[in-house]
C-alpha atoms as a PDB file:
ATOM      1  CA  MET A   1      95.007  56.607 136.826  1.00  0.00           C
ATOM      2  CA  ALA A   2      97.505  52.791 137.326  1.00  0.00           C
ATOM      3  CA  TYR A   3     100.397  53.253 139.260  1.00  0.00           C
ATOM      4  CA  ASP A   4     103.838  54.049 139.001  1.00  0.00           C
ATOM      5  CA  VAL A   5     104.605  50.583 137.183  1.00  0.00           C
ATOM      6  CA  ASP A   6     108.958  52.347 137.333  1.00  0.00           C
ATOM      7  CA  LEU A   7     108.151  53.078 141.053  1.00  0.00           C
ATOM      8  CA  ALA A   8     106.726  49.611 141.632  1.00  0.00           C
ATOM      9  CA  ASN A   9     109.464  47.763 140.684  1.00  0.00           C
ATOM     10  CA  ARG A  10     112.002  50.332 143.213  1.00  0.00           C
ATOM     11  CA  LEU A  11     109.549  49.959 146.107  1.00  0.00           C
ATOM     12  CA  ARG A  12     110.557  45.903 145.338  1.00  0.00           C
ATOM     13  CA  GLU A  13     114.373  46.423 145.110  1.00  0.00           C
ATOM     14  CA  ILE A  14     114.406  48.542 147.966  1.00  0.00           C
ATOM     15  CA  LEU A  15     112.013  45.942 150.110  1.00  0.00           C
ATOM     16  CA  ALA A  16     114.307  43.023 149.014  1.00  0.00           C
ATOM     17  CA  SER A  17     116.469  43.368 152.046  1.00  0.00           C
ATOM     18  CA  GLU A  18     113.554  42.792 153.933  1.00  0.00           C
ATOM     19  CA  PRO A  19     111.506  39.457 155.457  1.00  0.00           C
ATOM     20  CA  GLY A  20     108.355  38.458 154.425  1.00  0.00           C
ATOM     21  CA  VAL A  21     106.969  41.002 152.755  1.00  0.00           C
ATOM     22  CA  VAL A  22     104.784  40.012 149.987  1.00  0.00           C
ATOM     23  CA  GLU A  23     103.533  41.260 146.372  1.00  0.00           C
ATOM     24  CA  LYS A  24      99.430  42.722 146.437  1.00  0.00           C
ATOM     25  CA  PRO A  25      96.838  44.090 144.489  1.00  0.00           C
ATOM     26  CA  MET A  26      95.071  47.338 147.295  1.00  0.00           C
ATOM     27  CA  PHE A  27      93.375  50.718 146.118  1.00  0.00           C
ATOM     28  CA  GLY A  28      94.397  50.700 143.012  1.00  0.00           C
ATOM     29  CA  GLY A  29      97.736  50.099 142.939  1.00  0.00           C
ATOM     30  CA  LEU A  30     101.007  47.624 144.432  1.00  0.00           C
ATOM     31  CA  ALA A  31     100.690  46.791 148.175  1.00  0.00           C
ATOM     32  CA  PHE A  32     104.120  45.958 149.811  1.00  0.00           C
ATOM     33  CA  MET A  33     102.840  43.972 152.676  1.00  0.00           C
ATOM     34  CA  VAL A  34     104.945  42.606 155.744  1.00  0.00           C
ATOM     35  CA  ALA A  35     103.387  40.566 158.771  1.00  0.00           C
ATOM     36  CA  GLY A  36      99.407  40.975 156.953  1.00  0.00           C
ATOM     37  CA  HIS A  37      99.849  44.867 157.119  1.00  0.00           C
ATOM     38  CA  MET A  38     100.112  47.590 154.433  1.00  0.00           C
ATOM     39  CA  ALA A  39     102.937  49.462 154.690  1.00  0.00           C
ATOM     40  CA  VAL A  40     103.455  50.303 151.492  1.00  0.00           C
ATOM     41  CA  SER A  41     101.885  51.319 148.136  1.00  0.00           C
ATOM     42  CA  ALA A  42     102.693  52.506 144.827  1.00  0.00           C
ATOM     43  CA  SER A  43      99.897  54.397 143.882  1.00  0.00           C
ATOM     44  CA  GLY A  44      96.902  54.544 141.158  1.00  0.00           C
ATOM     45  CA  GLN A  45      96.861  58.199 142.127  1.00  0.00           C
ATOM     46  CA  GLY A  46     100.710  58.090 140.946  1.00  0.00           C
ATOM     47  CA  GLY A  47     103.190  58.329 144.261  1.00  0.00           C
ATOM     48  CA  LEU A  48     103.135  56.625 148.020  1.00  0.00           C
ATOM     49  CA  LEU A  49     100.256  55.344 149.793  1.00  0.00           C
ATOM     50  CA  LEU A  50     101.580  55.221 152.907  1.00  0.00           C
ATOM     51  CA  ARG A  51     101.120  53.233 156.486  1.00  0.00           C
ATOM     52  CA  VAL A  52     102.483  54.629 159.501  1.00  0.00           C
ATOM     53  CA  ASP A  53     102.221  54.805 163.491  1.00  0.00           C
ATOM     54  CA  PRO A  54      99.384  57.112 163.462  1.00  0.00           C
ATOM     55  CA  ALA A  55     100.731  59.152 166.460  1.00  0.00           C
ATOM     56  CA  GLU A  56     103.212  60.028 163.637  1.00  0.00           C
ATOM     57  CA  THR A  57     101.371  61.420 161.548  1.00  0.00           C
ATOM     58  CA  ASP A  58     100.982  65.363 162.425  1.00  0.00           C
ATOM     59  CA  ALA A  59     104.966  64.911 162.322  1.00  0.00           C
ATOM     60  CA  LEU A  60     105.478  63.634 159.634  1.00  0.00           C
ATOM     61  CA  ILE A  61     103.324  65.882 156.993  1.00  0.00           C
ATOM     62  CA  VAL A  62     105.250  68.472 157.626  1.00  0.00           C
ATOM     63  CA  ASP A  63     106.670  67.198 155.121  1.00  0.00           C
ATOM     64  CA  PRO A  64     105.029  68.750 151.627  1.00  0.00           C
ATOM     65  CA  ARG A  65     105.426  65.892 149.885  1.00  0.00           C
ATOM     66  CA  ALA A  66     103.754  63.971 152.927  1.00  0.00           C
ATOM     67  CA  SER A  67      99.637  64.204 153.095  1.00  0.00           C
ATOM     68  CA  ARG A  68      97.122  62.630 154.415  1.00  0.00           C
ATOM     69  CA  PHE A  69      94.842  59.621 152.911  1.00  0.00           C
ATOM     70  CA  VAL A  70      91.373  61.097 152.421  1.00  0.00           C
ATOM     71  CA  MET A  71      88.877  59.154 152.009  1.00  0.00           C
ATOM     72  CA  ARG A  72      84.889  59.327 151.973  1.00  0.00           C
ATOM     73  CA  ARG A  73      86.186  62.700 151.786  1.00  0.00           C
ATOM     74  CA  ARG A  74      87.366  61.973 155.122  1.00  0.00           C
ATOM     75  CA  GLU A  75      91.575  62.784 156.750  1.00  0.00           C
ATOM     76  CA  ILE A  76      93.096  59.226 158.044  1.00  0.00           C
ATOM     77  CA  ASP A  77      96.190  59.316 161.167  1.00  0.00           C
ATOM     78  CA  GLY A  78      98.071  56.604 159.870  1.00  0.00           C
ATOM     79  CA  TRP A  79      97.894  57.053 156.533  1.00  0.00           C
ATOM     80  CA  LEU A  80      99.360  58.676 153.785  1.00  0.00           C
ATOM     81  CA  ARG A  81      99.510  59.814 150.507  1.00  0.00           C
ATOM     82  CA  ILE A  82     103.608  61.043 149.087  1.00  0.00           C
ATOM     83  CA  ASN A  83     104.075  62.416 146.162  1.00  0.00           C
ATOM     84  CA  ILE A  84     107.185  61.470 144.823  1.00  0.00           C
ATOM     85  CA  ASP A  85     108.222  61.303 141.191  1.00  0.00           C
ATOM     86  CA  ALA A  86     110.717  59.214 139.300  1.00  0.00           C
ATOM     87  CA  TYR A  87     113.886  61.413 140.574  1.00  0.00           C
ATOM     88  CA  ALA A  88     112.908  60.854 143.803  1.00  0.00           C
ATOM     89  CA  THR A  89     116.663  58.687 145.270  1.00  0.00           C
ATOM     90  CA  ASP A  90     116.941  55.456 146.762  1.00  0.00           C
ATOM     91  CA  ALA A  91     118.102  57.215 150.102  1.00  0.00           C
ATOM     92  CA  GLU A  92     114.679  59.257 150.387  1.00  0.00           C
ATOM     93  CA  LEU A  93     112.228  56.278 149.363  1.00  0.00           C
ATOM     94  CA  GLU A  94     113.924  54.309 151.841  1.00  0.00           C
ATOM     95  CA  GLU A  95     114.089  56.986 154.556  1.00  0.00           C
ATOM     96  CA  TRP A  96     109.230  56.558 154.062  1.00  0.00           C
ATOM     97  CA  ILE A  97     109.786  53.301 152.675  1.00  0.00           C
ATOM     98  CA  ARG A  98     111.146  52.130 156.720  1.00  0.00           C
ATOM     99  CA  HIS A  99     108.177  54.889 158.311  1.00  0.00           C
ATOM    100  CA  GLY A 100     105.898  52.521 156.938  1.00  0.00           C
ATOM    101  CA  VAL A 101     107.695  48.803 157.411  1.00  0.00           C
ATOM    102  CA  ASP A 102     108.303  49.620 160.829  1.00  0.00           C
ATOM    103  CA  TYR A 103     104.550  50.073 161.431  1.00  0.00           C
ATOM    104  CA  ALA A 104     103.508  47.079 159.932  1.00  0.00           C
ATOM    105  CA  ARG A 105     106.107  44.567 162.068  1.00  0.00           C
ATOM    106  CA  SER A 106     105.207  46.217 164.879  1.00  0.00           C
ATOM    107  CA  LEU A 107     101.459  45.135 164.643  1.00  0.00           C
ATOM    108  CA  PRO A 108     100.021  41.835 165.156  1.00  0.00           C
ATOM    109  CA  PRO A 109     100.693  39.492 162.554  1.00  0.00           C
ATOM    110  CA  LYS A 110      97.983  38.711 160.313  1.00  0.00           C
END
């Protein structure tokens, strides 16, 4: 499955005012990098792939749209899949994106 182009465009619009955001194909989707770190991606599996502070993982997956990212049958703290669709409001998207951007900005630049 290819990533959702409309979702990628919405991410692009929301992130337009963020300094230093770079787009990069990654994990079958379109990732938005901040200071060289992935913050959020329009996932090739649908919805968002979001990088967050690993310490926030348990609190964020309380939302029924969020789940831990699974790689090689292993759940990984700090990486979330967000089941969000075209009907999500900009405010909902911005809330998720903010987690990813804030965490990426907290890391040393690459």
